[in-house]
Amino acid sequence: MAELTINQLIKLIIGILVIVAVVWGVYYVFKNHVAVFISNVGGTGNSSFKFILSLI
């Protein structure tokens, strides 16, 4: 098995940070849009529907 060098570790850490930043950015941008879209889709009086929305 190949050993990890300092260069490879730095690239790996930067890659993981970039992936986390992209996922967080997509979540931050779309979190309000998805909740509004889902809340307009059905009856808002349903308690299970409110539970699902609270999970999002």
C-alpha atoms as a PDB file:
ATOM      1  CA  MET A   1       0.000   0.000   0.000  1.00  0.00           C
ATOM      2  CA  ALA A   2       1.302   3.440  -0.880  1.00  0.00           C
ATOM      3  CA  GLU A   3       2.264   5.720   1.948  1.00  0.00           C
ATOM      4  CA  LEU A   4       0.649   9.121   2.336  1.00  0.00           C
ATOM      5  CA  THR A   5       3.070  11.969   1.938  1.00  0.00           C
ATOM      6  CA  ILE A   6       2.597  15.455   3.332  1.00  0.00           C
ATOM      7  CA  ASN A   7       1.605  16.682  -0.149  1.00  0.00           C
ATOM      8  CA  GLN A   8      -1.083  14.043  -0.473  1.00  0.00           C
ATOM      9  CA  LEU A   9      -2.400  14.741   3.031  1.00  0.00           C
ATOM     10  CA  ILE A  10      -2.659  18.464   2.292  1.00  0.00           C
ATOM     11  CA  LYS A  11      -4.524  17.767  -0.964  1.00  0.00           C
ATOM     12  CA  LEU A  12      -6.841  15.356   0.826  1.00  0.00           C
ATOM     13  CA  ILE A  13      -7.648  17.848   3.591  1.00  0.00           C
ATOM     14  CA  ILE A  14      -8.250  20.666   1.097  1.00  0.00           C
ATOM     15  CA  GLY A  15     -10.475  18.388  -0.985  1.00  0.00           C
ATOM     16  CA  ILE A  16     -12.576  17.441   2.031  1.00  0.00           C
ATOM     17  CA  LEU A  17     -12.896  21.103   3.057  1.00  0.00           C
ATOM     18  CA  VAL A  18     -14.001  22.072  -0.461  1.00  0.00           C
ATOM     19  CA  ILE A  19     -16.644  19.332  -0.520  1.00  0.00           C
ATOM     20  CA  VAL A  20     -17.952  20.389   2.903  1.00  0.00           C
ATOM     21  CA  ALA A  21     -18.041  24.047   1.812  1.00  0.00           C
ATOM     22  CA  VAL A  22     -19.964  23.224  -1.373  1.00  0.00           C
ATOM     23  CA  VAL A  23     -22.517  21.072   0.463  1.00  0.00           C
ATOM     24  CA  TRP A  24     -22.989  23.746   3.123  1.00  0.00           C
ATOM     25  CA  GLY A  25     -23.341  26.451   0.449  1.00  0.00           C
ATOM     26  CA  VAL A  26     -25.968  24.494  -1.483  1.00  0.00           C
ATOM     27  CA  TYR A  27     -27.868  23.836   1.742  1.00  0.00           C
ATOM     28  CA  TYR A  28     -27.668  27.504   2.787  1.00  0.00           C
ATOM     29  CA  VAL A  29     -28.886  28.774  -0.592  1.00  0.00           C
ATOM     30  CA  PHE A  30     -31.776  26.341  -1.021  1.00  0.00           C
ATOM     31  CA  LYS A  31     -32.979  25.741   2.555  1.00  0.00           C
ATOM     32  CA  ASN A  32     -35.703  28.411   2.428  1.00  0.00           C
ATOM     33  CA  HIS A  33     -36.781  27.606  -1.121  1.00  0.00           C
ATOM     34  CA  VAL A  34     -37.319  23.900  -0.441  1.00  0.00           C
ATOM     35  CA  ALA A  35     -39.276  24.538   2.767  1.00  0.00           C
ATOM     36  CA  VAL A  36     -41.535  27.072   1.002  1.00  0.00           C
ATOM     37  CA  PHE A  37     -42.065  24.709  -1.930  1.00  0.00           C
ATOM     38  CA  ILE A  38     -42.987  21.788   0.324  1.00  0.00           C
ATOM     39  CA  SER A  39     -45.268  23.909   2.507  1.00  0.00           C
ATOM     40  CA  ASN A  40     -47.285  24.942  -0.573  1.00  0.00           C
ATOM     41  CA  VAL A  41     -47.786  21.349  -1.734  1.00  0.00           C
ATOM     42  CA  GLY A  42     -50.462  19.935   0.547  1.00  0.00           C
ATOM     43  CA  GLY A  43     -52.816  20.572   3.354  1.00  0.00           C
ATOM     44  CA  THR A  44     -51.042  22.613   5.981  1.00  0.00           C
ATOM     45  CA  GLY A  45     -53.296  21.329   8.774  1.00  0.00           C
ATOM     46  CA  ASN A  46     -51.810  17.836   8.698  1.00  0.00           C
ATOM     47  CA  SER A  47     -49.691  17.131  11.785  1.00  0.00           C
ATOM     48  CA  SER A  48     -47.493  14.549  10.020  1.00  0.00           C
ATOM     49  CA  PHE A  49     -46.790  17.126   7.321  1.00  0.00           C
ATOM     50  CA  LYS A  50     -45.641  19.606   9.976  1.00  0.00           C
ATOM     51  CA  PHE A  51     -43.436  16.906  11.482  1.00  0.00           C
ATOM     52  CA  ILE A  52     -41.770  16.253   8.122  1.00  0.00           C
ATOM     53  CA  LEU A  53     -41.181  19.981   7.658  1.00  0.00           C
ATOM     54  CA  SER A  54     -39.600  20.195  11.097  1.00  0.00           C
ATOM     55  CA  LEU A  55     -37.110  17.509  10.102  1.00  0.00           C
ATOM     56  CA  ILE A  56     -36.004  19.579   7.109  1.00  0.00           C
END
